[in-house]
Amino acid sequence: MEPIVKISNLDKYFGRLHVLKNISIEVAERQVVCLIGRSGSGKSTLLRCINFLEEPSHGTIEVDGVKVEGGEKGRQHRQLVHDVRLKTGMVFQEFNLFPHMTVLENVIEGPVIVKGMDRKKAIELAEKNLDSVGLLFKKDEYPMRLSGGQKQRVAIARALTMEPRVMLFDEPTSALDPELIGEVLSVMKKVAKEGMTMIVVTHEMGFAREVADRVLVMADGELIEDSKPEDLFKNPKDLRTKALIDRYRTEEQQ
């Protein structure tokens, strides 16, 4: 089976700073892949390269059959990037909801404006996804009246309403108070069980251990480990991975 996401020989420079170094990854359909590593290791930059929020310097990104060369320019490149973005849903650390729109208006904005979806169909899909994340009863509220966890669940419903083939999560719980993290992780587990392909940058090791099919470890812009969770947590191959896991276990015991 062809992978739904294929990253080949990816490099990213910010000026002279080499932040991603020859990264190659394949992700199968319906897989959940978690990216872990210390802050500054390149995890979020890699995720943002997949949907070209950051333009890769070199290498190729392929999502569901759409292949884009990094570092290119021109009309065809812009069209391919647009096509990749239509196939990827993105959930950010911050929720990025429009404050002047209701929850429902936030969720249907992308499908109607970007995809040209019929408004009635977009509303039906939005209400289904809001119900799935437990927030249909909040559809007429404005973001200021929601908790952080509720805002992030709306952001997940918004991404799902674009009908993506792959969902990208960039540390989706890092801006939340500890008591709100569980409700967002619960929704993410549900999305995974429903068969969505997911690539998740996270510091939540428990989530990675429980939900991921594979855990990828990054350090200094390089991919240093790619293992099943049970193998990674029992027998990490790299000392930097072992240090990460030891710190997690220490925090878990506190």
Protein backbone atom coordinates (compact mmCIF):
# COMPACT_ATOMS: atom_id res chain seq x y z
CA MET A 1 0.00 0.00 0.00
CA GLU A 2 1.29 3.46 -0.91
CA PRO A 3 1.86 5.76 2.09
CA ILE A 4 -0.61 8.64 2.40
CA VAL A 5 2.21 10.96 3.55
CA LYS A 6 5.72 10.67 2.18
CA ILE A 7 8.51 13.07 3.18
CA SER A 8 11.79 12.61 1.30
CA ASN A 9 15.20 14.16 2.04
CA LEU A 10 13.68 17.24 3.64
CA ASP A 11 15.90 20.15 4.66
CA LYS A 12 14.86 23.46 6.14
CA TYR A 13 17.08 26.48 6.68
CA PHE A 14 16.24 29.72 8.46
CA GLY A 15 19.00 31.87 7.01
CA ARG A 16 22.17 29.93 7.80
CA LEU A 17 20.52 27.93 10.57
CA HIS A 18 19.93 24.32 9.47
CA VAL A 19 16.80 23.35 11.42
CA LEU A 20 15.72 20.18 9.56
CA LYS A 21 18.40 17.83 8.27
CA ASN A 22 17.58 15.28 5.57
CA ILE A 23 14.31 14.03 7.07
CA SER A 24 12.55 11.11 5.38
CA ILE A 25 9.29 9.67 6.78
CA GLU A 26 6.42 7.60 5.42
CA VAL A 27 3.02 7.45 7.11
CA ALA A 28 0.42 4.84 6.18
CA GLU A 29 -3.28 5.59 5.98
CA ARG A 30 -5.07 5.44 9.37
CA GLN A 31 -1.75 5.52 11.27
CA VAL A 32 -1.27 7.76 14.31
CA VAL A 33 2.31 9.05 14.46
CA CYS A 34 3.54 11.10 17.42
CA LEU A 35 6.58 13.37 17.15
CA ILE A 36 8.42 13.93 20.40
CA GLY A 37 11.65 15.67 21.38
CA ARG A 38 12.98 18.58 23.37
CA SER A 39 11.88 22.12 22.56
CA GLY A 40 13.82 23.41 19.55
CA SER A 41 14.41 19.95 18.07
CA GLY A 42 12.49 20.79 14.88
CA LYS A 43 9.18 18.99 15.55
CA SER A 44 6.83 21.89 14.87
CA THR A 45 8.87 23.10 11.90
CA LEU A 46 8.60 19.64 10.35
CA LEU A 47 4.84 19.57 10.90
CA ARG A 48 4.45 23.04 9.38
CA CYS A 49 6.48 21.97 6.33
CA ILE A 50 3.98 19.19 5.60
CA ASN A 51 1.26 21.71 4.71
CA PHE A 52 3.72 24.43 3.63
CA LEU A 53 3.05 26.88 6.42
CA GLU A 54 6.85 26.74 6.28
CA GLU A 55 8.38 26.32 2.81
CA PRO A 56 10.91 23.45 2.83
CA SER A 57 14.32 24.44 1.50
CA HIS A 58 14.92 21.10 -0.24
CA GLY A 59 13.23 17.74 -0.55
CA THR A 60 9.70 16.61 -1.40
CA ILE A 61 6.39 16.38 0.45
CA GLU A 62 3.69 14.08 -0.89
CA VAL A 63 0.20 13.96 0.63
CA ASP A 64 -2.44 11.62 -0.79
CA GLY A 65 -0.83 11.58 -4.23
CA VAL A 66 -0.03 15.31 -4.46
CA LYS A 67 3.76 15.71 -4.65
CA VAL A 68 5.42 19.07 -4.06
CA GLU A 69 9.10 19.96 -4.39
CA GLY A 70 10.46 22.18 -1.63
CA GLY A 71 12.01 25.50 -2.56
CA GLU A 72 10.13 25.87 -5.85
CA LYS A 73 8.20 28.98 -6.95
CA GLY A 74 5.60 29.87 -9.52
CA ARG A 75 1.92 29.30 -10.25
CA GLN A 76 2.09 25.51 -10.50
CA HIS A 77 3.90 25.28 -7.16
CA ARG A 78 1.26 27.50 -5.51
CA GLN A 79 -1.50 25.30 -6.92
CA LEU A 80 0.13 22.13 -5.62
CA VAL A 81 0.58 23.70 -2.19
CA HIS A 82 -3.12 24.68 -2.25
CA ASP A 83 -4.03 21.08 -3.13
CA VAL A 84 -1.92 19.71 -0.26
CA ARG A 85 -3.55 22.12 2.20
CA LEU A 86 -7.00 20.93 1.15
CA LYS A 87 -5.95 17.41 2.15
CA THR A 88 -4.53 18.38 5.57
CA GLY A 89 -6.34 19.67 8.63
CA MET A 90 -4.25 21.63 11.13
CA VAL A 91 -4.80 22.14 14.86
CA PHE A 92 -2.46 24.70 16.43
CA GLN A 93 -1.18 25.37 19.95
CA GLU A 94 -3.30 28.50 20.00
CA PHE A 95 -6.88 28.07 18.88
CA ASN A 96 -7.00 30.79 16.19
CA LEU A 97 -10.78 31.15 16.32
CA PHE A 98 -12.33 34.32 14.91
CA PRO A 99 -13.63 36.21 17.98
CA HIS A 100 -16.39 38.02 16.07
CA MET A 101 -17.92 34.77 14.76
CA THR A 102 -20.01 32.18 16.58
CA VAL A 103 -18.70 28.66 17.03
CA LEU A 104 -20.76 27.45 14.06
CA GLU A 105 -19.62 30.34 11.86
CA ASN A 106 -16.00 29.57 12.74
CA VAL A 107 -16.41 25.93 11.76
CA ILE A 108 -18.14 26.53 8.40
CA GLU A 109 -15.89 29.42 7.28
CA GLY A 110 -13.19 27.22 5.69
CA PRO A 111 -15.47 24.78 3.85
CA VAL A 112 -17.63 27.58 2.42
CA ILE A 113 -14.91 30.11 1.55
CA VAL A 114 -11.95 27.87 0.67
CA LYS A 115 -13.67 24.77 -0.72
CA GLY A 116 -16.80 26.45 -2.06
CA MET A 117 -19.01 23.99 -0.18
CA ASP A 118 -22.76 24.60 -0.20
CA ARG A 119 -23.60 26.44 3.04
CA LYS A 120 -26.36 24.03 3.99
CA LYS A 121 -24.04 21.03 3.58
CA ALA A 122 -21.30 22.85 5.51
CA ILE A 123 -23.70 23.50 8.41
CA GLU A 124 -24.79 19.85 8.49
CA LEU A 125 -21.18 18.69 8.52
CA ALA A 126 -20.18 21.29 11.12
CA GLU A 127 -23.03 20.31 13.43
CA LYS A 128 -22.08 16.63 13.09
CA ASN A 129 -18.45 17.39 14.01
CA LEU A 130 -19.41 19.72 16.86
CA ASP A 131 -21.62 16.96 18.21
CA SER A 132 -18.69 14.53 17.87
CA VAL A 133 -16.47 16.76 20.05
CA GLY A 134 -19.33 17.34 22.52
CA LEU A 135 -19.99 20.99 21.71
CA LEU A 136 -23.08 21.15 19.51
CA PHE A 137 -24.87 22.92 22.38
CA LYS A 138 -22.30 25.74 22.10
CA LYS A 139 -22.76 26.35 18.36
CA ASP A 140 -24.28 29.84 18.81
CA GLU A 141 -21.78 31.00 21.45
CA TYR A 142 -18.80 33.25 20.75
CA PRO A 143 -15.24 32.06 21.52
CA MET A 144 -14.84 34.46 24.47
CA ARG A 145 -17.50 32.46 26.32
CA LEU A 146 -15.62 29.16 25.94
CA SER A 147 -12.92 27.58 28.07
CA GLY A 148 -9.52 26.85 26.53
CA GLY A 149 -10.39 23.17 26.22
CA GLN A 150 -13.67 23.99 24.50
CA LYS A 151 -11.90 26.34 22.07
CA GLN A 152 -9.45 23.60 21.13
CA ARG A 153 -12.28 21.11 20.62
CA VAL A 154 -13.97 23.64 18.32
CA ALA A 155 -10.66 23.97 16.45
CA ILE A 156 -10.60 20.18 15.98
CA ALA A 157 -14.20 20.22 14.71
CA ARG A 158 -13.27 23.05 12.34
CA ALA A 159 -10.35 21.08 10.90
CA LEU A 160 -12.49 17.94 10.51
CA THR A 161 -15.19 19.89 8.67
CA MET A 162 -12.69 20.54 5.88
CA GLU A 163 -12.84 16.74 5.31
CA PRO A 164 -9.04 16.29 5.36
CA ARG A 165 -7.22 13.07 4.57
CA VAL A 166 -4.61 13.77 7.26
CA MET A 167 -4.84 15.69 10.54
CA LEU A 168 -1.81 17.59 11.86
CA PHE A 169 -1.70 18.56 15.55
CA ASP A 170 0.97 21.00 16.76
CA GLU A 171 1.20 20.58 20.55
CA PRO A 172 -2.59 20.97 20.86
CA THR A 173 -2.61 20.86 24.68
CA SER A 174 0.40 23.05 25.48
CA ALA A 175 -1.65 26.26 25.91
CA LEU A 176 -4.21 24.60 28.21
CA ASP A 177 -4.52 24.49 31.98
CA PRO A 178 -3.76 20.98 33.31
CA GLU A 179 -7.41 20.23 34.17
CA LEU A 180 -8.47 20.91 30.55
CA ILE A 181 -5.87 18.75 28.82
CA GLY A 182 -7.79 15.51 29.32
CA GLU A 183 -10.90 16.64 27.45
CA VAL A 184 -8.85 17.53 24.34
CA LEU A 185 -6.83 14.30 24.45
CA SER A 186 -10.09 12.36 24.77
CA VAL A 187 -11.42 13.94 21.55
CA MET A 188 -8.11 13.20 19.78
CA LYS A 189 -8.32 9.54 20.86
CA LYS A 190 -11.84 9.39 19.42
CA VAL A 191 -10.67 10.89 16.09
CA ALA A 192 -7.87 8.30 15.98
CA LYS A 193 -10.28 5.41 16.66
CA GLU A 194 -12.48 6.61 13.81
CA GLY A 195 -9.56 5.94 11.45
CA MET A 196 -8.14 9.40 10.75
CA THR A 197 -4.47 9.53 9.78
CA MET A 198 -2.83 11.76 12.41
CA ILE A 199 0.61 13.30 12.89
CA VAL A 200 0.87 14.77 16.37
CA VAL A 201 3.62 16.91 17.86
CA THR A 202 3.22 16.44 21.59
CA HIS A 203 4.83 16.50 25.02
CA GLU A 204 2.05 14.21 26.30
CA MET A 205 4.01 10.97 26.57
CA GLY A 206 1.03 9.10 28.00
CA PHE A 207 -0.99 9.92 24.88
CA ALA A 208 1.89 8.84 22.63
CA ARG A 209 2.23 5.59 24.54
CA GLU A 210 -1.48 4.78 24.46
CA VAL A 211 -2.64 6.00 21.04
CA ALA A 212 0.32 6.16 18.63
CA ASP A 213 1.15 3.40 16.18
CA ARG A 214 4.64 4.88 15.90
CA VAL A 215 6.64 7.40 17.91
CA LEU A 216 9.29 9.47 16.12
CA VAL A 217 11.97 11.19 18.19
CA MET A 218 13.71 14.33 16.96
CA ALA A 219 16.89 16.00 18.22
CA ASP A 220 18.87 18.86 16.70
CA GLY A 221 16.82 18.79 13.49
CA GLU A 222 17.36 15.08 12.90
CA LEU A 223 15.13 12.04 13.20
CA ILE A 224 16.95 9.87 15.75
CA GLU A 225 14.40 7.15 16.43
CA ASP A 226 11.26 5.64 14.83
CA SER A 227 9.67 2.85 16.86
CA LYS A 228 6.46 1.34 18.13
CA PRO A 229 5.56 2.93 21.49
CA GLU A 230 6.08 -0.27 23.49
CA ASP A 231 9.58 -0.69 22.04
CA LEU A 232 10.51 2.96 22.45
CA PHE A 233 9.43 3.24 26.08
CA LYS A 234 10.92 -0.12 27.11
CA ASN A 235 14.15 0.01 25.16
CA PRO A 236 15.10 3.39 23.67
CA LYS A 237 18.10 3.09 21.37
CA ASP A 238 19.44 6.65 21.64
CA LEU A 239 20.67 8.21 24.89
CA ARG A 240 18.73 11.40 24.11
CA THR A 241 15.52 9.38 23.85
CA LYS A 242 16.31 7.64 27.13
CA ALA A 243 16.75 11.04 28.81
CA LEU A 244 13.34 12.17 27.52
CA ILE A 245 11.62 9.03 28.77
CA ASP A 246 13.37 9.13 32.14
CA ARG A 247 12.18 12.71 32.63
CA TYR A 248 8.62 11.68 31.72
CA ARG A 249 8.70 8.82 34.24
CA THR A 250 9.99 11.17 36.94
CA GLU A 251 7.17 13.66 36.26
CA GLU A 252 4.62 10.81 36.23
CA GLN A 253 5.70 9.71 39.71
CA GLN A 254 5.49 13.20 41.22
